[in-house]
Amino acid sequence: MSSDQEPTAIRQLLSENQRLKQRVFELEEKARTASPAPVATSTGNTSVLKLIESKDFQLQQYSARLEEKKEQLEEASKELERKKSEMNLWMSAVRLCQELFENDASALIGVSREGRILLFNRSAPQVLGEKFRDSLHKPIESVD
């Protein structure tokens, strides 16, 4: 049974349990107001009680599984919050580095292992000349 079906199954069991309890109450009421109950009614009450016990057991099993799923969800939620905090910390560090990179008065240039210009700060075109703006993704050797 999928986790989506469990709440529906639990509601069905609760409804069935309530219906059976009502039926037992009615049978007991009938037994009190009638003449001494025949053996068949006693056996019928016993089988109804066994059915109720069986449904109660199933309900307990569903409740235990539901509690387990709830605990798993709470743990996953805590882990998600930890990861979110960690991500926020990294993002703050990245923003700080980006600010330092962009606002440095020196010409800062990022070059790939293949020697291509990946990025540069605002100061690079001012220091190296405006034609440097067109050098992104070009080999560093091609820049005058």
N, C-alpha and C. Protein backbone atom coordinates (compact mmCIF):
# COMPACT_ATOMS: atom_id res chain seq x y z
N MET A 1 0.85 -1.18 0.00
CA MET A 1 0.00 0.00 0.00
C MET A 1 0.88 1.23 0.00
N SER A 2 0.60 2.15 -0.88
CA SER A 2 1.41 3.36 -0.95
C SER A 2 1.07 4.28 0.21
N SER A 3 1.99 5.21 0.50
CA SER A 3 1.79 6.13 1.61
C SER A 3 0.61 7.06 1.34
N ASP A 4 0.25 7.28 0.06
CA ASP A 4 -0.91 8.11 -0.26
C ASP A 4 -2.21 7.41 0.12
N GLN A 5 -2.22 6.08 0.08
CA GLN A 5 -3.43 5.33 0.37
C GLN A 5 -3.61 5.09 1.86
N GLU A 6 -2.55 5.21 2.65
CA GLU A 6 -2.64 4.91 4.08
C GLU A 6 -3.66 5.76 4.80
N PRO A 7 -3.69 7.10 4.65
CA PRO A 7 -4.71 7.87 5.36
C PRO A 7 -6.13 7.44 5.00
N THR A 8 -6.37 7.12 3.73
CA THR A 8 -7.69 6.66 3.31
C THR A 8 -8.01 5.33 3.96
N ALA A 9 -7.05 4.42 3.99
CA ALA A 9 -7.26 3.12 4.61
C ALA A 9 -7.52 3.27 6.11
N ILE A 10 -6.82 4.18 6.75
CA ILE A 10 -7.02 4.41 8.18
C ILE A 10 -8.42 4.95 8.42
N ARG A 11 -8.85 5.90 7.59
CA ARG A 11 -10.21 6.43 7.75
C ARG A 11 -11.24 5.34 7.55
N GLN A 12 -11.01 4.46 6.58
CA GLN A 12 -11.95 3.36 6.34
C GLN A 12 -11.99 2.43 7.54
N LEU A 13 -10.81 2.13 8.10
CA LEU A 13 -10.78 1.26 9.27
C LEU A 13 -11.47 1.90 10.46
N LEU A 14 -11.26 3.18 10.67
CA LEU A 14 -11.93 3.87 11.77
C LEU A 14 -13.44 3.84 11.58
N SER A 15 -13.88 4.07 10.37
CA SER A 15 -15.31 4.04 10.07
C SER A 15 -15.88 2.65 10.31
N GLU A 16 -15.18 1.63 9.82
CA GLU A 16 -15.60 0.24 10.01
C GLU A 16 -15.61 -0.11 11.48
N ASN A 17 -14.61 0.32 12.21
CA ASN A 17 -14.52 0.07 13.64
C ASN A 17 -15.71 0.71 14.36
N GLN A 18 -16.03 1.94 14.01
CA GLN A 18 -17.17 2.64 14.63
C GLN A 18 -18.47 1.91 14.31
N ARG A 19 -18.63 1.48 13.08
CA ARG A 19 -19.84 0.76 12.68
C ARG A 19 -19.97 -0.54 13.46
N LEU A 20 -18.86 -1.25 13.60
CA LEU A 20 -18.89 -2.52 14.34
C LEU A 20 -19.18 -2.30 15.82
N LYS A 21 -18.62 -1.27 16.40
CA LYS A 21 -18.92 -0.96 17.80
C LYS A 21 -20.40 -0.65 17.99
N GLN A 22 -20.95 0.09 17.04
CA GLN A 22 -22.38 0.41 17.09
C GLN A 22 -23.20 -0.87 17.00
N ARG A 23 -22.79 -1.77 16.13
CA ARG A 23 -23.51 -3.05 15.96
C ARG A 23 -23.42 -3.88 17.23
N VAL A 24 -22.25 -3.93 17.87
CA VAL A 24 -22.10 -4.66 19.13
C VAL A 24 -23.01 -4.05 20.19
N PHE A 25 -23.04 -2.73 20.25
CA PHE A 25 -23.91 -2.05 21.22
C PHE A 25 -25.37 -2.44 20.99
N GLU A 26 -25.79 -2.42 19.73
CA GLU A 26 -27.17 -2.79 19.41
C GLU A 26 -27.46 -4.23 19.79
N LEU A 27 -26.52 -5.13 19.51
CA LEU A 27 -26.71 -6.54 19.86
C LEU A 27 -26.76 -6.73 21.37
N GLU A 28 -25.89 -6.04 22.09
CA GLU A 28 -25.91 -6.14 23.55
C GLU A 28 -27.21 -5.59 24.11
N GLU A 29 -27.69 -4.49 23.54
CA GLU A 29 -28.95 -3.89 23.97
C GLU A 29 -30.10 -4.86 23.72
N LYS A 30 -30.08 -5.48 22.55
CA LYS A 30 -31.11 -6.46 22.21
C LYS A 30 -31.05 -7.64 23.15
N ALA A 31 -29.84 -8.07 23.50
CA ALA A 31 -29.67 -9.21 24.40
C ALA A 31 -30.18 -8.88 25.80
N ARG A 32 -30.00 -7.66 26.26
CA ARG A 32 -30.46 -7.26 27.60
C ARG A 32 -31.98 -7.20 27.67
N THR A 33 -32.60 -6.73 26.61
CA THR A 33 -34.06 -6.56 26.63
C THR A 33 -34.80 -7.83 26.27
N ALA A 34 -34.16 -8.77 25.65
CA ALA A 34 -34.81 -10.01 25.22
C ALA A 34 -34.67 -11.08 26.29
N SER A 35 -35.25 -12.21 26.02
CA SER A 35 -35.11 -13.36 26.91
C SER A 35 -33.68 -13.84 26.86
N PRO A 36 -33.29 -14.75 27.72
CA PRO A 36 -31.90 -15.21 27.71
C PRO A 36 -31.44 -15.54 26.29
N ALA A 37 -30.27 -15.07 25.98
CA ALA A 37 -29.73 -15.20 24.62
C ALA A 37 -29.44 -16.64 24.29
N PRO A 38 -29.82 -17.06 23.09
CA PRO A 38 -29.47 -18.41 22.67
C PRO A 38 -27.97 -18.50 22.39
N VAL A 39 -27.48 -19.70 22.31
CA VAL A 39 -26.06 -19.94 22.10
C VAL A 39 -25.60 -19.30 20.79
N ALA A 40 -26.42 -19.31 19.76
CA ALA A 40 -26.04 -18.74 18.46
C ALA A 40 -25.73 -17.25 18.59
N THR A 41 -26.52 -16.51 19.38
CA THR A 41 -26.28 -15.08 19.56
C THR A 41 -24.96 -14.86 20.27
N SER A 42 -24.70 -15.69 21.28
CA SER A 42 -23.44 -15.58 22.00
C SER A 42 -22.27 -15.81 21.06
N THR A 43 -22.39 -16.81 20.21
CA THR A 43 -21.34 -17.08 19.23
C THR A 43 -21.24 -15.92 18.25
N GLY A 44 -22.38 -15.36 17.86
CA GLY A 44 -22.38 -14.21 16.95
C GLY A 44 -21.67 -13.02 17.58
N ASN A 45 -21.94 -12.77 18.88
CA ASN A 45 -21.28 -11.67 19.57
C ASN A 45 -19.78 -11.90 19.63
N THR A 46 -19.39 -13.14 19.87
CA THR A 46 -17.97 -13.48 19.94
C THR A 46 -17.29 -13.22 18.61
N SER A 47 -17.93 -13.62 17.52
CA SER A 47 -17.31 -13.40 16.21
C SER A 47 -17.26 -11.91 15.88
N VAL A 48 -18.27 -11.15 16.30
CA VAL A 48 -18.24 -9.70 16.08
C VAL A 48 -17.11 -9.08 16.88
N LEU A 49 -16.95 -9.53 18.13
CA LEU A 49 -15.87 -9.01 18.97
C LEU A 49 -14.50 -9.36 18.37
N LYS A 50 -14.38 -10.57 17.85
CA LYS A 50 -13.11 -10.96 17.21
C LYS A 50 -12.83 -10.09 15.99
N LEU A 51 -13.89 -9.79 15.24
CA LEU A 51 -13.73 -8.93 14.07
C LEU A 51 -13.28 -7.53 14.50
N ILE A 52 -13.89 -7.03 15.57
CA ILE A 52 -13.49 -5.71 16.09
C ILE A 52 -12.04 -5.74 16.54
N GLU A 53 -11.65 -6.79 17.24
CA GLU A 53 -10.25 -6.91 17.69
C GLU A 53 -9.31 -6.94 16.50
N SER A 54 -9.71 -7.66 15.45
CA SER A 54 -8.89 -7.73 14.24
C SER A 54 -8.74 -6.35 13.61
N LYS A 55 -9.84 -5.62 13.52
CA LYS A 55 -9.80 -4.28 12.93
C LYS A 55 -8.99 -3.33 13.81
N ASP A 56 -9.13 -3.47 15.14
CA ASP A 56 -8.33 -2.65 16.05
C ASP A 56 -6.84 -2.93 15.85
N PHE A 57 -6.49 -4.20 15.67
CA PHE A 57 -5.09 -4.57 15.44
C PHE A 57 -4.58 -3.94 14.15
N GLN A 58 -5.41 -4.02 13.09
CA GLN A 58 -5.01 -3.40 11.82
C GLN A 58 -4.83 -1.90 11.99
N LEU A 59 -5.73 -1.28 12.73
CA LEU A 59 -5.64 0.16 12.98
C LEU A 59 -4.35 0.49 13.74
N GLN A 60 -4.00 -0.34 14.70
CA GLN A 60 -2.76 -0.13 15.45
C GLN A 60 -1.55 -0.24 14.53
N GLN A 61 -1.59 -1.22 13.62
CA GLN A 61 -0.49 -1.36 12.66
C GLN A 61 -0.37 -0.13 11.77
N TYR A 62 -1.49 0.35 11.26
CA TYR A 62 -1.48 1.56 10.42
C TYR A 62 -0.98 2.75 11.22
N SER A 63 -1.43 2.85 12.46
CA SER A 63 -0.99 3.97 13.30
C SER A 63 0.51 3.92 13.53
N ALA A 64 1.04 2.72 13.77
CA ALA A 64 2.49 2.58 13.98
C ALA A 64 3.25 2.97 12.72
N ARG A 65 2.76 2.53 11.56
CA ARG A 65 3.42 2.90 10.31
C ARG A 65 3.33 4.39 10.05
N LEU A 66 2.18 4.96 10.37
CA LEU A 66 2.00 6.39 10.19
C LEU A 66 2.95 7.17 11.10
N GLU A 67 3.11 6.72 12.33
CA GLU A 67 4.04 7.36 13.27
C GLU A 67 5.48 7.26 12.75
N GLU A 68 5.82 6.10 12.21
CA GLU A 68 7.17 5.90 11.65
C GLU A 68 7.41 6.86 10.47
N LYS A 69 6.41 6.97 9.60
CA LYS A 69 6.53 7.89 8.45
C LYS A 69 6.64 9.33 8.93
N LYS A 70 5.91 9.67 9.98
CA LYS A 70 5.96 11.02 10.53
C LYS A 70 7.37 11.32 11.05
N GLU A 71 7.97 10.36 11.75
CA GLU A 71 9.33 10.53 12.27
C GLU A 71 10.33 10.68 11.12
N GLN A 72 10.15 9.88 10.07
CA GLN A 72 11.04 9.99 8.91
C GLN A 72 10.90 11.36 8.25
N LEU A 73 9.68 11.84 8.15
CA LEU A 73 9.43 13.15 7.56
C LEU A 73 10.06 14.26 8.40
N GLU A 74 9.94 14.15 9.73
CA GLU A 74 10.54 15.15 10.61
C GLU A 74 12.06 15.15 10.48
N GLU A 75 12.66 13.97 10.39
CA GLU A 75 14.12 13.88 10.24
C GLU A 75 14.55 14.47 8.89
N ALA A 76 13.79 14.16 7.84
CA ALA A 76 14.11 14.71 6.52
C ALA A 76 13.97 16.23 6.52
N SER A 77 12.97 16.72 7.23
CA SER A 77 12.77 18.17 7.33
C SER A 77 13.94 18.83 8.05
N LYS A 78 14.42 18.20 9.12
CA LYS A 78 15.58 18.74 9.85
C LYS A 78 16.82 18.75 8.95
N GLU A 79 17.01 17.66 8.21
CA GLU A 79 18.15 17.57 7.30
C GLU A 79 18.06 18.65 6.22
N LEU A 80 16.86 18.87 5.71
CA LEU A 80 16.65 19.91 4.71
C LEU A 80 16.99 21.29 5.28
N GLU A 81 16.60 21.55 6.51
CA GLU A 81 16.92 22.83 7.15
C GLU A 81 18.43 22.99 7.32
N ARG A 82 19.12 21.89 7.70
CA ARG A 82 20.58 21.95 7.83
C ARG A 82 21.21 22.28 6.48
N LYS A 83 20.76 21.60 5.43
CA LYS A 83 21.30 21.84 4.09
C LYS A 83 21.00 23.26 3.63
N LYS A 84 19.82 23.74 3.95
CA LYS A 84 19.43 25.10 3.58
C LYS A 84 20.34 26.12 4.27
N SER A 85 20.62 25.91 5.55
CA SER A 85 21.52 26.81 6.29
C SER A 85 22.92 26.77 5.69
N GLU A 86 23.37 25.57 5.37
CA GLU A 86 24.70 25.41 4.76
C GLU A 86 24.75 26.13 3.40
N MET A 87 23.69 25.98 2.61
CA MET A 87 23.63 26.63 1.30
C MET A 87 23.64 28.15 1.46
N ASN A 88 22.90 28.66 2.44
CA ASN A 88 22.88 30.11 2.67
C ASN A 88 24.27 30.62 3.06
N LEU A 89 24.99 29.83 3.85
CA LEU A 89 26.35 30.21 4.23
C LEU A 89 27.25 30.27 3.00
N TRP A 90 27.16 29.25 2.14
CA TRP A 90 27.96 29.24 0.92
C TRP A 90 27.59 30.41 0.00
N MET A 91 26.31 30.69 -0.10
CA MET A 91 25.87 31.80 -0.96
C MET A 91 26.41 33.13 -0.44
N SER A 92 26.45 33.29 0.87
CA SER A 92 27.02 34.52 1.45
C SER A 92 28.49 34.63 1.09
N ALA A 93 29.21 33.51 1.18
CA ALA A 93 30.63 33.52 0.83
C ALA A 93 30.83 33.84 -0.65
N VAL A 94 29.99 33.28 -1.50
CA VAL A 94 30.10 33.55 -2.94
C VAL A 94 29.82 35.02 -3.23
N ARG A 95 28.79 35.58 -2.59
CA ARG A 95 28.47 37.01 -2.79
C ARG A 95 29.63 37.90 -2.34
N LEU A 96 30.25 37.54 -1.22
CA LEU A 96 31.39 38.31 -0.72
C LEU A 96 32.54 38.26 -1.73
N CYS A 97 32.85 37.07 -2.22
CA CYS A 97 33.93 36.93 -3.21
C CYS A 97 33.60 37.70 -4.49
N GLN A 98 32.34 37.64 -4.89
CA GLN A 98 31.93 38.36 -6.09
C GLN A 98 32.09 39.87 -5.90
N GLU A 99 31.69 40.36 -4.73
CA GLU A 99 31.85 41.80 -4.45
C GLU A 99 33.31 42.20 -4.46
N LEU A 100 34.15 41.38 -3.82
CA LEU A 100 35.59 41.68 -3.79
C LEU A 100 36.16 41.69 -5.21
N PHE A 101 35.76 40.71 -6.00
CA PHE A 101 36.24 40.58 -7.38
C PHE A 101 35.80 41.79 -8.20
N GLU A 102 34.53 42.14 -8.12
CA GLU A 102 33.99 43.24 -8.93
C GLU A 102 34.53 44.60 -8.52
N ASN A 103 34.77 44.80 -7.25
CA ASN A 103 35.14 46.13 -6.76
C ASN A 103 36.64 46.34 -6.59
N ASP A 104 37.44 45.36 -6.94
CA ASP A 104 38.90 45.52 -6.85
C ASP A 104 39.35 46.49 -7.94
N ALA A 105 40.25 47.38 -7.60
CA ALA A 105 40.75 48.38 -8.57
C ALA A 105 41.71 47.76 -9.58
N SER A 106 42.25 46.60 -9.27
CA SER A 106 43.16 45.91 -10.20
C SER A 106 42.36 45.22 -11.29
N ALA A 107 43.01 44.95 -12.40
CA ALA A 107 42.38 44.18 -13.47
C ALA A 107 42.48 42.70 -13.10
N LEU A 108 41.35 42.08 -12.80
CA LEU A 108 41.33 40.65 -12.46
C LEU A 108 40.70 39.89 -13.62
N ILE A 109 41.40 38.83 -14.05
CA ILE A 109 40.96 38.05 -15.20
C ILE A 109 40.96 36.58 -14.80
N GLY A 110 39.86 35.88 -15.10
CA GLY A 110 39.78 34.44 -14.87
C GLY A 110 40.00 33.71 -16.18
N VAL A 111 40.95 32.76 -16.18
CA VAL A 111 41.32 32.05 -17.40
C VAL A 111 41.14 30.55 -17.18
N SER A 112 40.59 29.86 -18.20
CA SER A 112 40.40 28.41 -18.10
C SER A 112 41.74 27.69 -18.27
N ARG A 113 41.74 26.40 -18.04
CA ARG A 113 42.96 25.59 -18.23
C ARG A 113 43.42 25.62 -19.68
N GLU A 114 42.46 25.81 -20.57
CA GLU A 114 42.80 25.87 -21.99
C GLU A 114 43.30 27.25 -22.40
N GLY A 115 43.34 28.18 -21.47
CA GLY A 115 43.87 29.51 -21.76
C GLY A 115 42.83 30.48 -22.31
N ARG A 116 41.55 30.17 -22.16
CA ARG A 116 40.49 31.07 -22.63
C ARG A 116 40.00 31.94 -21.47
N ILE A 117 39.68 33.18 -21.78
CA ILE A 117 39.21 34.13 -20.76
C ILE A 117 37.77 33.77 -20.38
N LEU A 118 37.57 33.46 -19.10
CA LEU A 118 36.24 33.08 -18.61
C LEU A 118 35.49 34.25 -18.00
N LEU A 119 36.22 35.14 -17.33
CA LEU A 119 35.58 36.28 -16.69
C LEU A 119 36.62 37.35 -16.39
N PHE A 120 36.13 38.54 -16.18
CA PHE A 120 37.00 39.65 -15.76
C PHE A 120 36.15 40.65 -15.00
N ASN A 121 36.82 41.43 -14.17
CA ASN A 121 36.08 42.42 -13.38
C ASN A 121 35.93 43.73 -14.14
N ARG A 122 35.24 44.68 -13.52
CA ARG A 122 34.98 45.99 -14.13
C ARG A 122 36.25 46.76 -14.46
N SER A 123 37.25 46.56 -13.63
CA SER A 123 38.49 47.32 -13.81
C SER A 123 39.31 46.84 -15.00
N ALA A 124 39.13 45.60 -15.42
CA ALA A 124 39.95 45.05 -16.51
C ALA A 124 39.87 45.88 -17.78
N PRO A 125 38.69 46.22 -18.31
CA PRO A 125 38.66 47.04 -19.53
C PRO A 125 39.23 48.44 -19.31
N GLN A 126 39.06 48.97 -18.10
CA GLN A 126 39.59 50.30 -17.82
C GLN A 126 41.12 50.28 -17.81
N VAL A 127 41.69 49.22 -17.23
CA VAL A 127 43.15 49.12 -17.13
C VAL A 127 43.75 48.64 -18.45
N LEU A 128 43.11 47.67 -19.10
CA LEU A 128 43.68 47.05 -20.30
C LEU A 128 43.15 47.63 -21.61
N GLY A 129 42.20 48.52 -21.52
CA GLY A 129 41.64 49.13 -22.73
C GLY A 129 40.24 48.59 -23.02
N GLU A 130 39.41 49.42 -23.62
CA GLU A 130 38.01 49.07 -23.88
C GLU A 130 37.86 47.89 -24.83
N LYS A 131 38.83 47.68 -25.73
CA LYS A 131 38.72 46.54 -26.66
C LYS A 131 38.77 45.21 -25.91
N PHE A 132 39.24 45.24 -24.68
CA PHE A 132 39.30 44.02 -23.87
C PHE A 132 37.90 43.46 -23.58
N ARG A 133 36.87 44.32 -23.63
CA ARG A 133 35.49 43.88 -23.37
C ARG A 133 35.08 42.75 -24.31
N ASP A 134 35.61 42.73 -25.52
CA ASP A 134 35.25 41.72 -26.52
C ASP A 134 36.08 40.45 -26.40
N SER A 135 36.90 40.33 -25.39
CA SER A 135 37.83 39.20 -25.29
C SER A 135 37.27 37.99 -24.55
N LEU A 136 36.07 38.07 -24.05
CA LEU A 136 35.50 36.95 -23.29
C LEU A 136 35.44 35.69 -24.16
N HIS A 137 35.90 34.58 -23.62
CA HIS A 137 35.96 33.25 -24.26
C HIS A 137 37.02 33.15 -25.36
N LYS A 138 37.82 34.16 -25.51
CA LYS A 138 38.91 34.11 -26.49
C LYS A 138 40.19 33.69 -25.78
N PRO A 139 41.15 33.15 -26.54
CA PRO A 139 42.43 32.79 -25.93
C PRO A 139 43.11 34.03 -25.36
N ILE A 140 43.74 33.88 -24.21
CA ILE A 140 44.40 35.00 -23.54
C ILE A 140 45.52 35.56 -24.42
N GLU A 141 46.15 34.69 -25.24
CA GLU A 141 47.24 35.15 -26.11
C GLU A 141 46.76 36.11 -27.19
N SER A 142 45.47 36.04 -27.54
CA SER A 142 44.96 36.90 -28.62
C SER A 142 44.68 38.32 -28.16
N VAL A 143 44.75 38.56 -26.86
CA VAL A 143 44.47 39.90 -26.32
C VAL A 143 45.75 40.71 -26.37
N ASP A 144 45.67 41.91 -26.94
CA ASP A 144 46.86 42.78 -27.04
C ASP A 144 47.08 43.48 -25.72
